[in-house]
Amino acid sequence: MMSPPVSPLLQLHPSLFLTGAQLCRIYMAKAAEKEHRREASLRHKARDYQTNAVHLQPPSVNERSPMPATNN
């Protein structure tokens, strides 16, 4: 009598499979990397906004052009 066919997955070496702890470490490392990239992006955006804010300030009173006279 023939034995039932063995699934190809069962023929793989056990060292090819990750344990739950290994998967958890990989997941946590990826999450930390993603968070680090997000924080770095926010820091760059904040710096850009601060840089642009300097250029968006209204001119000082001395730099303003005189108001045009209105005819009433």
PDB file of N, CA and C in Angstrom:
ATOM      1  N   MET A   1       0.832  -1.182   0.000  1.00  0.00           N
ATOM      2  CA  MET A   1       0.000   0.000   0.000  1.00  0.00           C
ATOM      3  C   MET A   1       0.879   1.249   0.000  1.00  0.00           C
ATOM      4  N   MET A   2       0.471   2.268  -0.773  1.00  0.00           N
ATOM      5  CA  MET A   2       1.276   3.488  -0.874  1.00  0.00           C
ATOM      6  C   MET A   2       0.919   4.447   0.272  1.00  0.00           C
ATOM      7  N   SER A   3       1.944   5.141   0.727  1.00  0.00           N
ATOM      8  CA  SER A   3       1.695   6.146   1.763  1.00  0.00           C
ATOM      9  C   SER A   3       1.161   7.409   1.091  1.00  0.00           C
ATOM     10  N   PRO A   4       0.391   8.210   1.815  1.00  0.00           N
ATOM     11  CA  PRO A   4      -0.133   9.442   1.207  1.00  0.00           C
ATOM     12  C   PRO A   4       1.018  10.378   0.839  1.00  0.00           C
ATOM     13  N   PRO A   5       0.852  11.191  -0.179  1.00  0.00           N
ATOM     14  CA  PRO A   5       1.932  12.105  -0.569  1.00  0.00           C
ATOM     15  C   PRO A   5       2.223  13.108   0.552  1.00  0.00           C
ATOM     16  N   VAL A   6       3.491  13.430   0.688  1.00  0.00           N
ATOM     17  CA  VAL A   6       3.927  14.376   1.720  1.00  0.00           C
ATOM     18  C   VAL A   6       3.911  15.782   1.118  1.00  0.00           C
ATOM     19  N   SER A   7       3.346  16.684   1.847  1.00  0.00           N
ATOM     20  CA  SER A   7       3.294  18.073   1.393  1.00  0.00           C
ATOM     21  C   SER A   7       4.711  18.612   1.218  1.00  0.00           C
ATOM     22  N   PRO A   8       4.963  19.348   0.139  1.00  0.00           N
ATOM     23  CA  PRO A   8       6.309  19.923  -0.050  1.00  0.00           C
ATOM     24  C   PRO A   8       6.718  20.823   1.120  1.00  0.00           C
ATOM     25  N   LEU A   9       5.742  21.448   1.765  1.00  0.00           N
ATOM     26  CA  LEU A   9       6.051  22.315   2.894  1.00  0.00           C
ATOM     27  C   LEU A   9       6.674  21.529   4.043  1.00  0.00           C
ATOM     28  N   LEU A  10       6.213  20.301   4.241  1.00  0.00           N
ATOM     29  CA  LEU A  10       6.750  19.472   5.321  1.00  0.00           C
ATOM     30  C   LEU A  10       8.159  18.959   5.014  1.00  0.00           C
ATOM     31  N   GLN A  11       8.560  19.023   3.752  1.00  0.00           N
ATOM     32  CA  GLN A  11       9.886  18.561   3.367  1.00  0.00           C
ATOM     33  C   GLN A  11      10.943  19.632   3.595  1.00  0.00           C
ATOM     34  N   LEU A  12      10.544  20.854   3.870  1.00  0.00           N
ATOM     35  CA  LEU A  12      11.506  21.930   4.114  1.00  0.00           C
ATOM     36  C   LEU A  12      12.196  21.720   5.455  1.00  0.00           C
ATOM     37  N   HIS A  13      13.403  22.206   5.522  1.00  0.00           N
ATOM     38  CA  HIS A  13      14.178  22.057   6.755  1.00  0.00           C
ATOM     39  C   HIS A  13      13.588  22.970   7.825  1.00  0.00           C
ATOM     40  N   PRO A  14      13.507  22.525   9.074  1.00  0.00           N
ATOM     41  CA  PRO A  14      12.910  23.348  10.146  1.00  0.00           C
ATOM     42  C   PRO A  14      13.613  24.687  10.348  1.00  0.00           C
ATOM     43  N   SER A  15      14.886  24.789  10.018  1.00  0.00           N
ATOM     44  CA  SER A  15      15.611  26.042  10.236  1.00  0.00           C
ATOM     45  C   SER A  15      15.140  27.137   9.278  1.00  0.00           C
ATOM     46  N   LEU A  16      14.362  26.775   8.261  1.00  0.00           N
ATOM     47  CA  LEU A  16      13.865  27.782   7.328  1.00  0.00           C
ATOM     48  C   LEU A  16      12.660  28.530   7.885  1.00  0.00           C
ATOM     49  N   PHE A  17      12.068  28.037   8.942  1.00  0.00           N
ATOM     50  CA  PHE A  17      10.891  28.662   9.532  1.00  0.00           C
ATOM     51  C   PHE A  17      11.309  29.590  10.665  1.00  0.00           C
ATOM     52  N   LEU A  18      10.580  30.674  10.811  1.00  0.00           N
ATOM     53  CA  LEU A  18      10.861  31.631  11.875  1.00  0.00           C
ATOM     54  C   LEU A  18       9.987  31.322  13.078  1.00  0.00           C
ATOM     55  N   THR A  19      10.557  31.512  14.251  1.00  0.00           N
ATOM     56  CA  THR A  19       9.769  31.339  15.462  1.00  0.00           C
ATOM     57  C   THR A  19       8.933  32.596  15.697  1.00  0.00           C
ATOM     58  N   GLY A  20       7.987  32.493  16.596  1.00  0.00           N
ATOM     59  CA  GLY A  20       7.174  33.663  16.932  1.00  0.00           C
ATOM     60  C   GLY A  20       8.017  34.809  17.451  1.00  0.00           C
ATOM     61  N   ALA A  21       9.039  34.494  18.264  1.00  0.00           N
ATOM     62  CA  ALA A  21       9.904  35.535  18.820  1.00  0.00           C
ATOM     63  C   ALA A  21      10.690  36.223  17.708  1.00  0.00           C
ATOM     64  N   GLN A  22      11.147  35.443  16.717  1.00  0.00           N
ATOM     65  CA  GLN A  22      11.890  36.046  15.609  1.00  0.00           C
ATOM     66  C   GLN A  22      10.975  36.943  14.780  1.00  0.00           C
ATOM     67  N   LEU A  23       9.764  36.482  14.527  1.00  0.00           N
ATOM     68  CA  LEU A  23       8.814  37.306  13.781  1.00  0.00           C
ATOM     69  C   LEU A  23       8.497  38.592  14.541  1.00  0.00           C
ATOM     70  N   CYS A  24       8.352  38.475  15.854  1.00  0.00           N
ATOM     71  CA  CYS A  24       8.064  39.646  16.679  1.00  0.00           C
ATOM     72  C   CYS A  24       9.208  40.654  16.600  1.00  0.00           C
ATOM     73  N   ARG A  25      10.458  40.164  16.683  1.00  0.00           N
ATOM     74  CA  ARG A  25      11.612  41.069  16.594  1.00  0.00           C
ATOM     75  C   ARG A  25      11.666  41.767  15.239  1.00  0.00           C
ATOM     76  N   ILE A  26      11.393  41.020  14.174  1.00  0.00           N
ATOM     77  CA  ILE A  26      11.397  41.619  12.827  1.00  0.00           C
ATOM     78  C   ILE A  26      10.306  42.683  12.735  1.00  0.00           C
ATOM     79  N   TYR A  27       9.113  42.347  13.230  1.00  0.00           N
ATOM     80  CA  TYR A  27       7.998  43.291  13.179  1.00  0.00           C
ATOM     81  C   TYR A  27       8.321  44.560  13.972  1.00  0.00           C
ATOM     82  N   MET A  28       8.870  44.386  15.175  1.00  0.00           N
ATOM     83  CA  MET A  28       9.184  45.542  16.021  1.00  0.00           C
ATOM     84  C   MET A  28      10.283  46.395  15.391  1.00  0.00           C
ATOM     85  N   ALA A  29      11.274  45.746  14.778  1.00  0.00           N
ATOM     86  CA  ALA A  29      12.349  46.496  14.123  1.00  0.00           C
ATOM     87  C   ALA A  29      11.794  47.301  12.948  1.00  0.00           C
ATOM     88  N   LYS A  30      10.909  46.690  12.171  1.00  0.00           N
ATOM     89  CA  LYS A  30      10.299  47.408  11.043  1.00  0.00           C
ATOM     90  C   LYS A  30       9.449  48.568  11.546  1.00  0.00           C
ATOM     91  N   ALA A  31       8.705  48.349  12.621  1.00  0.00           N
ATOM     92  CA  ALA A  31       7.862  49.413  13.180  1.00  0.00           C
ATOM     93  C   ALA A  31       8.725  50.564  13.703  1.00  0.00           C
ATOM     94  N   ALA A  32       9.838  50.235  14.360  1.00  0.00           N
ATOM     95  CA  ALA A  32      10.733  51.272  14.872  1.00  0.00           C
ATOM     96  C   ALA A  32      11.361  52.054  13.723  1.00  0.00           C
ATOM     97  N   GLU A  33      11.729  51.354  12.660  1.00  0.00           N
ATOM     98  CA  GLU A  33      12.313  52.022  11.497  1.00  0.00           C
ATOM     99  C   GLU A  33      11.299  52.959  10.845  1.00  0.00           C
ATOM    100  N   LYS A  34      10.053  52.494  10.740  1.00  0.00           N
ATOM    101  CA  LYS A  34       8.995  53.320  10.159  1.00  0.00           C
ATOM    102  C   LYS A  34       8.753  54.562  11.019  1.00  0.00           C
ATOM    103  N   GLU A  35       8.723  54.392  12.335  1.00  0.00           N
ATOM    104  CA  GLU A  35       8.522  55.518  13.245  1.00  0.00           C
ATOM    105  C   GLU A  35       9.683  56.505  13.149  1.00  0.00           C
ATOM    106  N   HIS A  36      10.901  55.985  13.043  1.00  0.00           N
ATOM    107  CA  HIS A  36      12.073  56.846  12.916  1.00  0.00           C
ATOM    108  C   HIS A  36      11.983  57.673  11.631  1.00  0.00           C
ATOM    109  N   ARG A  37      11.581  57.039  10.527  1.00  0.00           N
ATOM    110  CA  ARG A  37      11.448  57.771   9.260  1.00  0.00           C
ATOM    111  C   ARG A  37      10.358  58.830   9.365  1.00  0.00           C
ATOM    112  N   ARG A  38       9.246  58.505  10.045  1.00  0.00           N
ATOM    113  CA  ARG A  38       8.151  59.460  10.200  1.00  0.00           C
ATOM    114  C   ARG A  38       8.605  60.669  11.010  1.00  0.00           C
ATOM    115  N   GLU A  39       9.315  60.409  12.110  1.00  0.00           N
ATOM    116  CA  GLU A  39       9.807  61.509  12.944  1.00  0.00           C
ATOM    117  C   GLU A  39      10.813  62.365  12.186  1.00  0.00           C
ATOM    118  N   ALA A  40      11.694  61.732  11.419  1.00  0.00           N
ATOM    119  CA  ALA A  40      12.673  62.486  10.630  1.00  0.00           C
ATOM    120  C   ALA A  40      11.958  63.355   9.600  1.00  0.00           C
ATOM    121  N   SER A  41      10.915  62.818   8.980  1.00  0.00           N
ATOM    122  CA  SER A  41      10.148  63.577   8.002  1.00  0.00           C
ATOM    123  C   SER A  41       9.490  64.788   8.668  1.00  0.00           C
ATOM    124  N   LEU A  42       8.927  64.572   9.859  1.00  0.00           N
ATOM    125  CA  LEU A  42       8.296  65.683  10.574  1.00  0.00           C
ATOM    126  C   LEU A  42       9.322  66.748  10.960  1.00  0.00           C
ATOM    127  N   ARG A  43      10.528  66.305  11.379  1.00  0.00           N
ATOM    128  CA  ARG A  43      11.575  67.276  11.713  1.00  0.00           C
ATOM    129  C   ARG A  43      11.952  68.104  10.490  1.00  0.00           C
ATOM    130  N   HIS A  44      12.082  67.443   9.328  1.00  0.00           N
ATOM    131  CA  HIS A  44      12.425  68.170   8.099  1.00  0.00           C
ATOM    132  C   HIS A  44      11.312  69.137   7.719  1.00  0.00           C
ATOM    133  N   LYS A  45      10.057  68.709   7.854  1.00  0.00           N
ATOM    134  CA  LYS A  45       8.942  69.596   7.531  1.00  0.00           C
ATOM    135  C   LYS A  45       8.927  70.795   8.465  1.00  0.00           C
ATOM    136  N   ALA A  46       9.165  70.557   9.760  1.00  0.00           N
ATOM    137  CA  ALA A  46       9.168  71.654  10.731  1.00  0.00           C
ATOM    138  C   ALA A  46      10.284  72.642  10.393  1.00  0.00           C
ATOM    139  N   ARG A  47      11.450  72.118  10.035  1.00  0.00           N
ATOM    140  CA  ARG A  47      12.564  72.995   9.675  1.00  0.00           C
ATOM    141  C   ARG A  47      12.208  73.806   8.430  1.00  0.00           C
ATOM    142  N   ASP A  48      11.592  73.157   7.436  1.00  0.00           N
ATOM    143  CA  ASP A  48      11.214  73.863   6.218  1.00  0.00           C
ATOM    144  C   ASP A  48      10.183  74.941   6.508  1.00  0.00           C
ATOM    145  N   TYR A  49       9.210  74.631   7.375  1.00  0.00           N
ATOM    146  CA  TYR A  49       8.207  75.632   7.720  1.00  0.00           C
ATOM    147  C   TYR A  49       8.850  76.822   8.426  1.00  0.00           C
ATOM    148  N   GLN A  50       9.802  76.541   9.322  1.00  0.00           N
ATOM    149  CA  GLN A  50      10.478  77.641  10.019  1.00  0.00           C
ATOM    150  C   GLN A  50      11.277  78.475   9.037  1.00  0.00           C
ATOM    151  N   THR A  51      11.948  77.819   8.095  1.00  0.00           N
ATOM    152  CA  THR A  51      12.725  78.538   7.085  1.00  0.00           C
ATOM    153  C   THR A  51      11.803  79.404   6.240  1.00  0.00           C
ATOM    154  N   ASN A  52      10.679  78.822   5.816  1.00  0.00           N
ATOM    155  CA  ASN A  52       9.740  79.568   4.979  1.00  0.00           C
ATOM    156  C   ASN A  52       9.045  80.664   5.767  1.00  0.00           C
ATOM    157  N   ALA A  53       8.830  80.471   7.052  1.00  0.00           N
ATOM    158  CA  ALA A  53       8.138  81.466   7.872  1.00  0.00           C
ATOM    159  C   ALA A  53       8.937  82.759   7.917  1.00  0.00           C
ATOM    160  N   VAL A  54      10.264  82.662   7.881  1.00  0.00           N
ATOM    161  CA  VAL A  54      11.093  83.865   7.889  1.00  0.00           C
ATOM    162  C   VAL A  54      10.782  84.702   6.654  1.00  0.00           C
ATOM    163  N   HIS A  55      10.569  84.034   5.518  1.00  0.00           N
ATOM    164  CA  HIS A  55      10.304  84.753   4.277  1.00  0.00           C
ATOM    165  C   HIS A  55       8.857  85.229   4.185  1.00  0.00           C
ATOM    166  N   LEU A  56       7.981  84.654   5.009  1.00  0.00           N
ATOM    167  CA  LEU A  56       6.569  85.021   4.943  1.00  0.00           C
ATOM    168  C   LEU A  56       6.191  86.120   5.928  1.00  0.00           C
ATOM    169  N   GLN A  57       7.153  86.573   6.728  1.00  0.00           N
ATOM    170  CA  GLN A  57       6.852  87.633   7.691  1.00  0.00           C
ATOM    171  C   GLN A  57       6.493  88.917   6.931  1.00  0.00           C
ATOM    172  N   PRO A  58       5.512  89.661   7.432  1.00  0.00           N
ATOM    173  CA  PRO A  58       5.189  90.929   6.757  1.00  0.00           C
ATOM    174  C   PRO A  58       6.372  91.885   6.897  1.00  0.00           C
ATOM    175  N   PRO A  59       6.556  92.758   5.942  1.00  0.00           N
ATOM    176  CA  PRO A  59       7.677  93.696   6.033  1.00  0.00           C
ATOM    177  C   PRO A  59       7.510  94.618   7.237  1.00  0.00           C
ATOM    178  N   SER A  60       8.614  95.063   7.762  1.00  0.00           N
ATOM    179  CA  SER A  60       8.539  95.973   8.917  1.00  0.00           C
ATOM    180  C   SER A  60       7.943  97.300   8.468  1.00  0.00           C
ATOM    181  N   VAL A  61       7.613  98.150   9.415  1.00  0.00           N
ATOM    182  CA  VAL A  61       6.972  99.438   9.111  1.00  0.00           C
ATOM    183  C   VAL A  61       7.875 100.262   8.198  1.00  0.00           C
ATOM    184  N   ASN A  62       9.163 100.229   8.418  1.00  0.00           N
ATOM    185  CA  ASN A  62      10.090 101.024   7.615  1.00  0.00           C
ATOM    186  C   ASN A  62      10.190 100.500   6.179  1.00  0.00           C
ATOM    187  N   GLU A  63       9.943  99.225   5.971  1.00  0.00           N
ATOM    188  CA  GLU A  63      10.080  98.642   4.636  1.00  0.00           C
ATOM    189  C   GLU A  63       8.798  98.727   3.823  1.00  0.00           C
ATOM    190  N   ARG A  64       7.687  99.056   4.458  1.00  0.00           N
ATOM    191  CA  ARG A  64       6.415  99.082   3.754  1.00  0.00           C
ATOM    192  C   ARG A  64       6.360 100.274   2.813  1.00  0.00           C
ATOM    193  N   SER A  65       5.727 100.043   1.690  1.00  0.00           N
ATOM    194  CA  SER A  65       5.549 101.154   0.761  1.00  0.00           C
ATOM    195  C   SER A  65       4.420 102.039   1.300  1.00  0.00           C
ATOM    196  N   PRO A  66       4.489 103.306   1.036  1.00  0.00           N
ATOM    197  CA  PRO A  66       3.425 104.196   1.553  1.00  0.00           C
ATOM    198  C   PRO A  66       2.082 103.823   0.941  1.00  0.00           C
ATOM    199  N   MET A  67       1.063 103.998   1.735  1.00  0.00           N
ATOM    200  CA  MET A  67      -0.283 103.693   1.268  1.00  0.00           C
ATOM    201  C   MET A  67      -0.660 104.714   0.197  1.00  0.00           C
ATOM    202  N   PRO A  68      -1.270 104.273  -0.876  1.00  0.00           N
ATOM    203  CA  PRO A  68      -1.677 105.243  -1.907  1.00  0.00           C
ATOM    204  C   PRO A  68      -2.774 106.162  -1.362  1.00  0.00           C
ATOM    205  N   ALA A  69      -2.692 107.391  -1.750  1.00  0.00           N
ATOM    206  CA  ALA A  69      -3.689 108.361  -1.292  1.00  0.00           C
ATOM    207  C   ALA A  69      -5.011 108.077  -1.987  1.00  0.00           C
ATOM    208  N   THR A  70      -6.069 108.169  -1.242  1.00  0.00           N
ATOM    209  CA  THR A  70      -7.392 107.951  -1.831  1.00  0.00           C
ATOM    210  C   THR A  70      -8.049 109.293  -2.067  1.00  0.00           C
ATOM    211  N   ASN A  71      -8.759 109.404  -3.137  1.00  0.00           N
ATOM    212  CA  ASN A  71      -9.477 110.649  -3.441  1.00  0.00           C
ATOM    213  C   ASN A  71     -10.914 110.508  -2.977  1.00  0.00           C
ATOM    214  N   ASN A  72     -11.307 111.349  -2.040  1.00  0.00           N
ATOM    215  CA  ASN A  72     -12.694 111.320  -1.546  1.00  0.00           C
ATOM    216  C   ASN A  72     -13.428 112.503  -2.057  1.00  0.00           C
TER     217      ASN A  72
END
